[in-house]
Amino acid sequence: MKKGSIRVIIVDDHVMVRSGLRLFLLAFEDLKLVGEAANGEEAIYLCGREKPDVVLMDMVMPVMDGVRATREIHSHFPRIQIIGLTTFYDPEMIQKMLDAGAKSFLLKSVSAIELAQAIRDANSGRSTISPEIQDFLRGRRPLTAQASKYKLSAREREVLAGIAGGLSNAEIARKLVISLSTVKFHVTRILAKLNVSNRAEAVSLALREGLLTMASSKKD
């Protein structure tokens, strides 16, 4: 195995889907497939045995679905990052996956390059949610006064939008033309105001409460 490779496990009950994802991973030297599972129970076992860095997790599977498996893996192996994969828009299921601890969420129609980057980002602690999924979730939620409820400032909403877009603190700083220390300050404030412990939880709550719709509509 190449030094520094990101260890990945694929979890999907469809053989053809696993085969396609396997071919995707083979195209990148820094990604190493270390196991495949057909259901959540197998995934948990593989995580204990192989200690992957990232798990690509289907939502709907027999024996144990992706939501329960994600929750169990996140609880027992918090270092492992989980990327949810789906072929259809089910906002309730997607939200459950995010709440269970999934770092990112992508459509299975994602390109190899996009998937590889999402894996790298997840391994570095950054979230990625397919734009189509973000748009769909926002469209299912009416705008409310939630930003006021959480007392997020205009700048904090901009930083939150950057977090949801998978940007690092440095990338947010460049985009908003502010210092890195200022971004870190805002991220700390956002986590405190939303009463969450990490960026993934912040994105999950923001999607659920409609905050990202407001953040994205905010103009510079």
Protein backbone atom coordinates (compact mmCIF):
# COMPACT_ATOMS: atom_id res chain seq x y z
CA MET A 1 0.00 0.00 0.00
CA LYS A 2 1.28 3.45 -0.87
CA LYS A 3 2.37 5.42 2.19
CA GLY A 4 -0.29 7.94 3.12
CA SER A 5 -3.08 6.19 1.23
CA ILE A 6 -6.64 6.77 2.43
CA ARG A 7 -8.19 3.43 3.40
CA VAL A 8 -11.76 3.05 2.11
CA ILE A 9 -14.58 0.54 2.62
CA ILE A 10 -17.58 0.29 0.26
CA VAL A 11 -20.95 -0.68 1.75
CA ASP A 12 -23.78 -1.43 -0.69
CA ASP A 13 -26.05 -4.43 -1.21
CA HIS A 14 -25.85 -4.14 -5.02
CA VAL A 15 -22.87 -5.95 -6.54
CA MET A 16 -22.84 -3.70 -9.63
CA VAL A 17 -22.72 -0.55 -7.51
CA ARG A 18 -19.81 -1.90 -5.50
CA SER A 19 -18.06 -2.86 -8.73
CA GLY A 20 -18.49 0.65 -10.15
CA LEU A 21 -17.23 2.32 -6.98
CA ARG A 22 -14.29 -0.10 -6.89
CA LEU A 23 -13.27 0.95 -10.41
CA PHE A 24 -13.56 4.60 -9.39
CA LEU A 25 -11.14 4.07 -6.50
CA LEU A 26 -8.62 2.19 -8.63
CA ALA A 27 -8.12 5.34 -10.71
CA PHE A 28 -6.51 7.20 -7.78
CA GLU A 29 -3.18 6.23 -6.22
CA ASP A 30 -3.97 7.88 -2.88
CA LEU A 31 -7.16 5.86 -2.34
CA LYS A 32 -6.97 2.22 -1.21
CA LEU A 33 -9.98 -0.11 -1.09
CA VAL A 34 -9.61 -2.34 1.97
CA GLY A 35 -13.01 -4.01 2.09
CA GLU A 36 -16.56 -4.34 0.78
CA ALA A 37 -19.78 -5.07 2.65
CA ALA A 38 -23.33 -5.87 1.52
CA ASN A 39 -25.08 -4.61 4.66
CA GLY A 40 -24.55 -2.62 7.83
CA GLU A 41 -23.61 -5.57 10.04
CA GLU A 42 -20.80 -6.54 7.66
CA ALA A 43 -19.70 -2.91 7.57
CA ILE A 44 -19.35 -2.71 11.35
CA TYR A 45 -17.31 -5.92 11.38
CA LEU A 46 -15.03 -4.66 8.61
CA CYS A 47 -14.51 -1.34 10.37
CA GLY A 48 -13.31 -3.17 13.46
CA ARG A 49 -10.99 -5.40 11.43
CA GLU A 50 -9.65 -3.07 8.75
CA LYS A 51 -9.74 0.31 10.55
CA PRO A 52 -10.59 2.32 7.39
CA ASP A 53 -10.32 6.08 7.17
CA VAL A 54 -13.52 6.54 5.14
CA VAL A 55 -16.64 4.44 4.56
CA LEU A 56 -18.88 4.85 1.51
CA MET A 57 -22.31 3.95 2.92
CA ASP A 58 -25.54 3.11 1.08
CA MET A 59 -28.76 4.05 2.88
CA VAL A 60 -31.18 1.19 2.12
CA MET A 61 -29.83 -2.33 2.69
CA PRO A 62 -31.08 -5.63 4.14
CA VAL A 63 -30.12 -6.91 7.62
CA MET A 64 -29.02 -3.43 8.79
CA ASP A 65 -29.58 -0.17 6.93
CA GLY A 66 -27.12 2.65 6.44
CA VAL A 67 -28.57 4.88 9.15
CA ARG A 68 -28.17 2.32 11.94
CA ALA A 69 -24.76 1.22 10.65
CA THR A 70 -23.59 4.83 10.48
CA ARG A 71 -24.74 5.46 14.04
CA GLU A 72 -22.97 2.32 15.32
CA ILE A 73 -19.73 3.04 13.46
CA HIS A 74 -19.74 6.68 14.52
CA SER A 75 -20.26 5.59 18.14
CA HIS A 76 -17.63 2.85 18.26
CA PHE A 77 -15.10 4.22 15.75
CA PRO A 78 -15.45 8.03 15.84
CA ARG A 79 -12.25 8.51 13.84
CA ILE A 80 -13.80 6.82 10.80
CA GLN A 81 -15.52 9.27 8.44
CA ILE A 82 -18.70 8.16 6.67
CA ILE A 83 -19.98 9.36 3.30
CA GLY A 84 -23.64 8.59 2.62
CA LEU A 85 -24.59 7.58 -0.93
CA THR A 86 -28.05 7.57 -2.47
CA THR A 87 -29.80 7.22 -5.83
CA PHE A 88 -32.99 9.00 -4.77
CA TYR A 89 -34.13 12.05 -2.82
CA ASP A 90 -35.52 11.07 0.55
CA PRO A 91 -35.05 14.12 2.80
CA GLU A 92 -36.04 12.27 5.97
CA MET A 93 -33.57 9.44 5.35
CA ILE A 94 -30.80 11.83 4.30
CA GLN A 95 -31.33 13.87 7.45
CA LYS A 96 -31.24 10.71 9.58
CA MET A 97 -27.92 9.74 7.99
CA LEU A 98 -26.45 13.16 8.73
CA ASP A 99 -27.78 13.08 12.29
CA ALA A 100 -26.30 9.59 12.75
CA GLY A 101 -22.86 10.97 12.03
CA ALA A 102 -22.32 10.91 8.26
CA LYS A 103 -19.68 13.46 7.31
CA SER A 104 -20.89 13.94 3.73
CA PHE A 105 -23.69 12.96 1.36
CA LEU A 106 -23.50 12.34 -2.37
CA LEU A 107 -25.61 11.02 -5.22
CA LYS A 108 -24.40 7.72 -6.67
CA SER A 109 -24.26 9.47 -10.05
CA VAL A 110 -21.27 11.48 -8.77
CA SER A 111 -18.20 11.46 -11.01
CA ALA A 112 -15.02 9.63 -10.06
CA ILE A 113 -13.16 12.91 -9.57
CA GLU A 114 -15.92 14.34 -7.36
CA LEU A 115 -16.07 11.16 -5.28
CA ALA A 116 -12.30 11.07 -4.84
CA GLN A 117 -12.26 14.68 -3.67
CA ALA A 118 -15.15 14.03 -1.26
CA ILE A 119 -13.20 11.12 0.23
CA ARG A 120 -10.10 13.28 0.64
CA ASP A 121 -12.17 16.07 2.19
CA ALA A 122 -13.91 13.68 4.59
CA ASN A 123 -10.56 12.25 5.62
CA SER A 124 -9.43 15.82 6.38
CA GLY A 125 -12.57 16.54 8.39
CA ARG A 126 -14.46 18.53 5.74
CA SER A 127 -18.05 17.88 4.68
CA THR A 128 -19.35 17.52 1.13
CA ILE A 129 -23.05 17.49 0.24
CA SER A 130 -24.07 17.21 -3.41
CA PRO A 131 -25.50 20.52 -4.64
CA GLU A 132 -28.58 18.64 -5.93
CA ILE A 133 -29.23 17.24 -2.46
CA GLN A 134 -28.75 20.65 -0.83
CA ASP A 135 -31.16 22.23 -3.29
CA PHE A 136 -33.70 19.47 -2.78
CA LEU A 137 -33.57 19.70 1.01
CA ARG A 138 -33.87 23.48 0.90
CA GLY A 139 -36.81 23.25 -1.47
CA ARG A 140 -38.68 21.04 0.97
CA ARG A 141 -38.34 23.55 3.79
CA PRO A 142 -40.01 26.96 3.91
CA LEU A 143 -37.94 29.92 5.00
CA THR A 144 -38.45 30.68 8.66
CA ALA A 145 -37.05 33.01 11.27
CA GLN A 146 -34.55 30.38 12.42
CA ALA A 147 -31.53 32.62 11.84
CA SER A 148 -33.05 35.00 14.36
CA LYS A 149 -33.74 32.10 16.72
CA TYR A 150 -30.08 31.07 16.71
CA LYS A 151 -28.89 34.69 16.69
CA LEU A 152 -26.50 34.12 13.78
CA SER A 153 -24.96 37.29 12.40
CA ALA A 154 -24.78 37.96 8.65
CA ARG A 155 -21.08 37.06 8.64
CA GLU A 156 -21.72 33.87 10.61
CA ARG A 157 -24.33 32.83 8.05
CA GLU A 158 -21.76 33.38 5.30
CA VAL A 159 -19.19 31.27 7.15
CA LEU A 160 -21.85 28.59 7.74
CA ALA A 161 -22.57 28.50 4.00
CA GLY A 162 -18.86 28.00 3.40
CA ILE A 163 -18.76 25.12 5.87
CA ALA A 164 -21.77 23.52 4.16
CA GLY A 165 -19.99 23.90 0.83
CA GLY A 166 -17.11 21.81 2.15
CA LEU A 167 -14.65 24.71 2.32
CA SER A 168 -11.77 24.69 4.77
CA ASN A 169 -11.22 27.63 7.11
CA ALA A 170 -8.48 28.91 4.82
CA GLU A 171 -10.74 28.67 1.77
CA ILE A 172 -13.55 30.50 3.60
CA ALA A 173 -11.08 33.22 4.59
CA ARG A 174 -10.02 33.72 0.96
CA LYS A 175 -13.60 33.71 -0.30
CA LEU A 176 -14.83 36.25 2.26
CA VAL A 177 -11.57 38.24 2.26
CA ILE A 178 -11.09 37.97 6.00
CA SER A 179 -8.27 36.58 8.13
CA LEU A 180 -7.97 32.92 9.06
CA SER A 181 -8.16 33.76 12.76
CA THR A 182 -11.43 35.59 12.13
CA VAL A 183 -12.88 32.56 10.38
CA LYS A 184 -11.83 30.32 13.28
CA PHE A 185 -13.50 32.73 15.69
CA HIS A 186 -16.74 32.66 13.67
CA VAL A 187 -16.69 28.85 13.42
CA THR A 188 -16.33 28.59 17.20
CA ARG A 189 -19.21 31.03 17.66
CA ILE A 190 -21.40 29.14 15.16
CA LEU A 191 -20.85 25.81 16.91
CA ALA A 192 -21.66 27.41 20.26
CA LYS A 193 -24.82 29.15 19.02
CA LEU A 194 -26.10 26.00 17.30
CA ASN A 195 -25.10 23.93 20.36
CA VAL A 196 -23.22 21.36 18.27
CA SER A 197 -19.75 19.89 18.69
CA ASN A 198 -18.42 19.79 15.14
CA ARG A 199 -18.85 21.09 11.58
CA ALA A 200 -20.80 18.05 10.35
CA GLU A 201 -23.37 18.49 13.11
CA ALA A 202 -23.60 22.18 12.27
CA VAL A 203 -24.36 21.39 8.61
CA SER A 204 -26.90 18.74 9.61
CA LEU A 205 -28.76 21.13 11.92
CA ALA A 206 -28.54 23.95 9.40
CA LEU A 207 -30.15 21.79 6.71
CA ARG A 208 -32.86 20.65 9.11
CA GLU A 209 -33.65 24.18 10.28
CA GLY A 210 -33.43 25.86 6.89
CA LEU A 211 -30.42 28.00 7.86
CA LEU A 212 -28.48 27.14 4.71
CA THR A 213 -31.23 28.50 2.52
CA MET A 214 -30.86 31.83 4.28
CA ALA A 215 -27.09 31.64 4.26
CA SER A 216 -26.95 30.87 0.55
CA SER A 217 -29.34 33.66 -0.32
CA LYS A 218 -27.25 36.20 1.53
CA LYS A 219 -25.44 38.54 -0.89
CA ASP A 220 -21.99 39.99 -0.27
